[in-house]
Amino acid sequence: MNKTSLCDQAITREARAHRILKHLSHAAMVIFLASLPIMTLSAAAADISAFMKLISQNEDAQMSVRDLAFFLVTHDIDATPNADHVVVQMGHSIYKLVPNGRHVGLANVTQIS
């Protein structure tokens, strides 16, 4: 074998390896992008779960709408007091919370969108 033929073989191997790496990096990017919605959904589910746990595991029979909104905001929840309820937005969902007085938990929660 001559030097040119060995050099051509090395270039061909390098080009093949480069093509394989390029395809692998494209496949890895596709897999990563496909997994983003799943990771987002699980994070949202964890947030909603923590939110519901916060509401159900605390009680205050004297809590007003403003008190409830303040309590939620101090726990990094987007809450807005209205006349007789609190509106909470988590991701793409909106919840209506009505303080429930002496009943278990802080409020009755209804998903409105």
N, C-alpha and C. Protein backbone atom coordinates (compact mmCIF):
# COMPACT_ATOMS: atom_id res chain seq x y z
N MET A 1 0.84 -1.19 0.00
CA MET A 1 0.00 0.00 0.00
C MET A 1 0.88 1.24 0.00
N ASN A 2 0.41 2.21 -0.67
CA ASN A 2 1.19 3.44 -0.70
C ASN A 2 0.63 4.44 0.31
N LYS A 3 1.36 5.52 0.50
CA LYS A 3 0.98 6.52 1.50
C LYS A 3 -0.33 7.21 1.15
N THR A 4 -0.61 7.44 -0.12
CA THR A 4 -1.83 8.10 -0.54
C THR A 4 -3.04 7.25 -0.19
N SER A 5 -2.95 5.96 -0.41
CA SER A 5 -4.07 5.08 -0.13
C SER A 5 -4.35 5.03 1.38
N LEU A 6 -3.33 4.97 2.22
CA LEU A 6 -3.51 4.98 3.67
C LEU A 6 -4.11 6.32 4.12
N CYS A 7 -3.67 7.38 3.53
CA CYS A 7 -4.19 8.71 3.87
C CYS A 7 -5.67 8.81 3.47
N ASP A 8 -6.02 8.30 2.30
CA ASP A 8 -7.42 8.31 1.85
C ASP A 8 -8.29 7.48 2.78
N GLN A 9 -7.79 6.32 3.22
CA GLN A 9 -8.55 5.47 4.14
C GLN A 9 -8.77 6.19 5.48
N ALA A 10 -7.78 6.89 5.96
CA ALA A 10 -7.90 7.62 7.23
C ALA A 10 -8.92 8.75 7.09
N ILE A 11 -8.90 9.45 5.96
CA ILE A 11 -9.87 10.53 5.73
C ILE A 11 -11.27 9.96 5.63
N THR A 12 -11.42 8.82 4.95
CA THR A 12 -12.73 8.18 4.81
C THR A 12 -13.26 7.75 6.18
N ARG A 13 -12.40 7.15 7.01
CA ARG A 13 -12.81 6.74 8.36
C ARG A 13 -13.22 7.96 9.19
N GLU A 14 -12.45 9.03 9.08
CA GLU A 14 -12.76 10.24 9.83
C GLU A 14 -14.09 10.84 9.36
N ALA A 15 -14.33 10.83 8.08
CA ALA A 15 -15.59 11.36 7.54
C ALA A 15 -16.77 10.51 8.01
N ARG A 16 -16.59 9.18 8.01
CA ARG A 16 -17.64 8.28 8.51
C ARG A 16 -17.93 8.53 9.98
N ALA A 17 -16.86 8.67 10.76
CA ALA A 17 -17.02 8.91 12.20
C ALA A 17 -17.73 10.25 12.43
N HIS A 18 -17.37 11.26 11.64
CA HIS A 18 -18.02 12.56 11.76
C HIS A 18 -19.51 12.47 11.43
N ARG A 19 -19.87 11.73 10.37
CA ARG A 19 -21.28 11.55 10.00
C ARG A 19 -22.05 10.84 11.09
N ILE A 20 -21.44 9.81 11.68
CA ILE A 20 -22.09 9.06 12.76
C ILE A 20 -22.33 9.97 13.97
N LEU A 21 -21.31 10.73 14.34
CA LEU A 21 -21.46 11.65 15.48
C LEU A 21 -22.53 12.71 15.20
N LYS A 22 -22.57 13.17 13.96
CA LYS A 22 -23.58 14.17 13.59
C LYS A 22 -24.98 13.58 13.74
N HIS A 23 -25.19 12.35 13.26
CA HIS A 23 -26.49 11.69 13.39
C HIS A 23 -26.84 11.43 14.85
N LEU A 24 -25.85 11.03 15.64
CA LEU A 24 -26.10 10.79 17.06
C LEU A 24 -26.47 12.08 17.78
N SER A 25 -25.80 13.18 17.44
CA SER A 25 -26.14 14.43 18.11
C SER A 25 -27.53 14.90 17.70
N HIS A 26 -27.93 14.67 16.45
CA HIS A 26 -29.29 15.01 16.03
C HIS A 26 -30.30 14.15 16.78
N ALA A 27 -30.01 12.86 16.93
CA ALA A 27 -30.92 11.95 17.64
C ALA A 27 -31.03 12.36 19.11
N ALA A 28 -29.92 12.73 19.72
CA ALA A 28 -29.94 13.16 21.12
C ALA A 28 -30.77 14.43 21.28
N MET A 29 -30.65 15.35 20.33
CA MET A 29 -31.43 16.59 20.39
C MET A 29 -32.92 16.29 20.25
N VAL A 30 -33.28 15.40 19.36
CA VAL A 30 -34.69 15.03 19.17
C VAL A 30 -35.24 14.40 20.45
N ILE A 31 -34.48 13.52 21.06
CA ILE A 31 -34.91 12.87 22.30
C ILE A 31 -35.07 13.91 23.41
N PHE A 32 -34.12 14.81 23.51
CA PHE A 32 -34.20 15.85 24.53
C PHE A 32 -35.42 16.73 24.33
N LEU A 33 -35.64 17.18 23.10
CA LEU A 33 -36.79 18.05 22.82
C LEU A 33 -38.11 17.32 23.04
N ALA A 34 -38.14 16.04 22.73
CA ALA A 34 -39.37 15.26 22.95
C ALA A 34 -39.65 15.07 24.44
N SER A 35 -38.62 15.07 25.27
CA SER A 35 -38.81 14.86 26.70
C SER A 35 -39.18 16.14 27.45
N LEU A 36 -39.00 17.31 26.85
CA LEU A 36 -39.31 18.57 27.54
C LEU A 36 -40.76 18.66 28.00
N PRO A 37 -41.76 18.35 27.15
CA PRO A 37 -43.14 18.42 27.64
C PRO A 37 -43.40 17.49 28.81
N ILE A 38 -42.78 16.33 28.82
CA ILE A 38 -42.96 15.38 29.92
C ILE A 38 -42.39 15.96 31.21
N MET A 39 -41.20 16.58 31.12
CA MET A 39 -40.61 17.18 32.31
C MET A 39 -41.46 18.36 32.80
N THR A 40 -41.99 19.14 31.87
CA THR A 40 -42.84 20.27 32.24
C THR A 40 -44.11 19.78 32.90
N LEU A 41 -44.72 18.73 32.35
CA LEU A 41 -45.95 18.19 32.94
C LEU A 41 -45.69 17.66 34.34
N SER A 42 -44.55 16.96 34.54
CA SER A 42 -44.30 16.45 35.88
C SER A 42 -44.01 17.56 36.87
N ALA A 43 -43.38 18.63 36.43
CA ALA A 43 -43.14 19.77 37.32
C ALA A 43 -44.46 20.44 37.67
N ALA A 44 -45.35 20.58 36.67
CA ALA A 44 -46.66 21.18 36.93
C ALA A 44 -47.47 20.31 37.88
N ALA A 45 -47.41 18.99 37.69
CA ALA A 45 -48.13 18.08 38.57
C ALA A 45 -47.60 18.17 40.00
N ALA A 46 -46.29 18.31 40.14
CA ALA A 46 -45.70 18.45 41.47
C ALA A 46 -46.15 19.75 42.12
N ASP A 47 -46.23 20.85 41.32
CA ASP A 47 -46.69 22.13 41.86
C ASP A 47 -48.14 22.04 42.32
N ILE A 48 -48.98 21.43 41.52
CA ILE A 48 -50.40 21.29 41.88
C ILE A 48 -50.54 20.40 43.11
N SER A 49 -49.76 19.35 43.16
CA SER A 49 -49.80 18.46 44.32
C SER A 49 -49.39 19.20 45.59
N ALA A 50 -48.33 19.98 45.51
CA ALA A 50 -47.87 20.76 46.68
C ALA A 50 -48.92 21.80 47.07
N PHE A 51 -49.55 22.43 46.07
CA PHE A 51 -50.61 23.41 46.31
C PHE A 51 -51.79 22.78 47.05
N MET A 52 -52.25 21.63 46.57
CA MET A 52 -53.38 20.95 47.20
C MET A 52 -53.02 20.48 48.61
N LYS A 53 -51.78 20.05 48.79
CA LYS A 53 -51.33 19.62 50.11
C LYS A 53 -51.32 20.81 51.07
N LEU A 54 -50.85 21.97 50.59
CA LEU A 54 -50.82 23.18 51.40
C LEU A 54 -52.23 23.56 51.86
N ILE A 55 -53.20 23.48 50.95
CA ILE A 55 -54.58 23.84 51.26
C ILE A 55 -55.21 22.83 52.22
N SER A 56 -54.98 21.55 51.99
CA SER A 56 -55.66 20.52 52.78
C SER A 56 -55.04 20.28 54.15
N GLN A 57 -53.75 20.56 54.32
CA GLN A 57 -53.10 20.25 55.58
C GLN A 57 -53.03 21.42 56.55
N ASN A 58 -53.65 22.53 56.21
CA ASN A 58 -53.70 23.68 57.11
C ASN A 58 -55.16 24.02 57.37
N GLU A 59 -55.43 24.56 58.54
CA GLU A 59 -56.81 24.95 58.88
C GLU A 59 -56.79 26.25 59.64
N ASP A 60 -57.80 27.09 59.35
CA ASP A 60 -57.98 28.34 60.07
C ASP A 60 -59.43 28.77 59.85
N ALA A 61 -60.25 28.56 60.86
CA ALA A 61 -61.69 28.85 60.75
C ALA A 61 -61.96 30.34 60.56
N GLN A 62 -61.02 31.19 60.94
CA GLN A 62 -61.21 32.64 60.85
C GLN A 62 -60.61 33.27 59.58
N MET A 63 -60.06 32.44 58.69
CA MET A 63 -59.35 32.98 57.53
C MET A 63 -60.32 33.64 56.54
N SER A 64 -60.01 34.90 56.20
CA SER A 64 -60.81 35.63 55.22
C SER A 64 -60.23 35.42 53.82
N VAL A 65 -60.90 35.97 52.83
CA VAL A 65 -60.42 35.88 51.45
C VAL A 65 -59.04 36.55 51.34
N ARG A 66 -58.90 37.73 51.93
CA ARG A 66 -57.61 38.43 51.87
C ARG A 66 -56.52 37.67 52.62
N ASP A 67 -56.87 37.08 53.77
CA ASP A 67 -55.90 36.27 54.52
C ASP A 67 -55.44 35.07 53.69
N LEU A 68 -56.38 34.41 53.03
CA LEU A 68 -56.06 33.25 52.21
C LEU A 68 -55.15 33.64 51.06
N ALA A 69 -55.46 34.74 50.37
CA ALA A 69 -54.62 35.20 49.27
C ALA A 69 -53.21 35.53 49.78
N PHE A 70 -53.12 36.21 50.91
CA PHE A 70 -51.82 36.55 51.49
C PHE A 70 -51.03 35.29 51.83
N PHE A 71 -51.70 34.33 52.46
CA PHE A 71 -51.07 33.06 52.83
C PHE A 71 -50.50 32.37 51.58
N LEU A 72 -51.27 32.33 50.52
CA LEU A 72 -50.83 31.67 49.29
C LEU A 72 -49.65 32.40 48.64
N VAL A 73 -49.73 33.73 48.62
CA VAL A 73 -48.64 34.52 48.02
C VAL A 73 -47.34 34.32 48.80
N THR A 74 -47.43 34.19 50.12
CA THR A 74 -46.21 33.96 50.91
C THR A 74 -45.61 32.59 50.63
N HIS A 75 -46.38 31.71 49.98
CA HIS A 75 -45.88 30.40 49.57
C HIS A 75 -45.61 30.36 48.07
N ASP A 76 -45.35 31.53 47.48
CA ASP A 76 -45.00 31.66 46.05
C ASP A 76 -46.08 31.14 45.11
N ILE A 77 -47.33 31.36 45.46
CA ILE A 77 -48.45 30.98 44.61
C ILE A 77 -49.12 32.26 44.11
N ASP A 78 -49.39 32.33 42.83
CA ASP A 78 -50.01 33.49 42.21
C ASP A 78 -51.49 33.54 42.60
N ALA A 79 -51.83 34.34 43.60
CA ALA A 79 -53.19 34.40 44.15
C ALA A 79 -53.70 35.83 44.16
N THR A 80 -54.98 35.99 43.77
CA THR A 80 -55.62 37.31 43.74
C THR A 80 -56.95 37.24 44.49
N PRO A 81 -57.11 38.09 45.53
CA PRO A 81 -58.39 38.07 46.26
C PRO A 81 -59.49 38.76 45.45
N ASN A 82 -60.71 38.22 45.51
CA ASN A 82 -61.91 38.83 44.95
C ASN A 82 -62.91 38.98 46.08
N ALA A 83 -64.13 39.33 45.77
CA ALA A 83 -65.14 39.59 46.80
C ALA A 83 -65.32 38.42 47.76
N ASP A 84 -65.57 37.21 47.24
CA ASP A 84 -65.85 36.07 48.12
C ASP A 84 -64.96 34.86 47.84
N HIS A 85 -63.93 35.04 47.01
CA HIS A 85 -63.05 33.92 46.67
C HIS A 85 -61.68 34.44 46.26
N VAL A 86 -60.75 33.50 46.12
CA VAL A 86 -59.39 33.81 45.68
C VAL A 86 -59.18 33.09 44.36
N VAL A 87 -58.57 33.77 43.40
CA VAL A 87 -58.24 33.16 42.12
C VAL A 87 -56.76 32.83 42.13
N VAL A 88 -56.44 31.58 41.79
CA VAL A 88 -55.05 31.12 41.74
C VAL A 88 -54.76 30.66 40.33
N GLN A 89 -53.65 31.14 39.79
CA GLN A 89 -53.21 30.68 38.47
C GLN A 89 -51.94 29.88 38.63
N MET A 90 -51.98 28.64 38.12
CA MET A 90 -50.81 27.76 38.13
C MET A 90 -50.64 27.22 36.72
N GLY A 91 -49.61 27.68 36.05
CA GLY A 91 -49.40 27.26 34.67
C GLY A 91 -50.54 27.74 33.80
N HIS A 92 -51.19 26.81 33.12
CA HIS A 92 -52.31 27.15 32.25
C HIS A 92 -53.65 26.94 32.95
N SER A 93 -53.64 26.59 34.22
CA SER A 93 -54.88 26.32 34.96
C SER A 93 -55.21 27.47 35.91
N ILE A 94 -56.51 27.70 36.09
CA ILE A 94 -56.99 28.72 37.02
C ILE A 94 -57.92 28.04 38.02
N TYR A 95 -57.72 28.34 39.29
CA TYR A 95 -58.50 27.74 40.37
C TYR A 95 -59.24 28.83 41.14
N LYS A 96 -60.41 28.47 41.64
CA LYS A 96 -61.20 29.35 42.50
C LYS A 96 -61.19 28.73 43.89
N LEU A 97 -60.78 29.51 44.88
CA LEU A 97 -60.72 29.03 46.26
C LEU A 97 -61.67 29.85 47.11
N VAL A 98 -62.52 29.16 47.84
CA VAL A 98 -63.45 29.82 48.76
C VAL A 98 -63.10 29.35 50.17
N PRO A 99 -62.72 30.28 51.06
CA PRO A 99 -62.42 29.88 52.44
C PRO A 99 -63.60 29.08 53.00
N ASN A 100 -63.28 27.97 53.68
CA ASN A 100 -64.35 27.08 54.13
C ASN A 100 -64.60 27.07 55.63
N GLY A 101 -64.12 28.08 56.34
CA GLY A 101 -64.44 28.20 57.76
C GLY A 101 -64.01 27.01 58.58
N ARG A 102 -64.97 26.36 59.24
CA ARG A 102 -64.65 25.27 60.17
C ARG A 102 -64.44 23.92 59.51
N HIS A 103 -64.63 23.82 58.22
CA HIS A 103 -64.43 22.55 57.53
C HIS A 103 -62.93 22.25 57.39
N VAL A 104 -62.62 21.01 57.06
CA VAL A 104 -61.23 20.58 56.92
C VAL A 104 -60.54 21.34 55.79
N GLY A 105 -59.31 21.75 56.04
CA GLY A 105 -58.55 22.48 55.04
C GLY A 105 -58.85 23.98 55.10
N LEU A 106 -58.15 24.71 54.26
CA LEU A 106 -58.32 26.17 54.25
C LEU A 106 -59.44 26.64 53.33
N ALA A 107 -59.70 25.90 52.25
CA ALA A 107 -60.65 26.39 51.25
C ALA A 107 -61.21 25.25 50.42
N ASN A 108 -62.34 25.51 49.80
CA ASN A 108 -62.88 24.63 48.77
C ASN A 108 -62.25 25.07 47.46
N VAL A 109 -61.67 24.11 46.73
CA VAL A 109 -60.95 24.42 45.50
C VAL A 109 -61.75 23.90 44.31
N THR A 110 -61.92 24.79 43.31
CA THR A 110 -62.59 24.42 42.07
C THR A 110 -61.72 24.88 40.92
N GLN A 111 -61.43 23.98 39.98
CA GLN A 111 -60.67 24.37 38.79
C GLN A 111 -61.65 25.00 37.81
N ILE A 112 -61.37 26.24 37.39
CA ILE A 112 -62.30 26.91 36.48
C ILE A 112 -61.78 26.97 35.05
N SER A 113 -60.53 26.66 34.84
CA SER A 113 -60.00 26.49 33.47
C SER A 113 -58.65 25.84 33.49
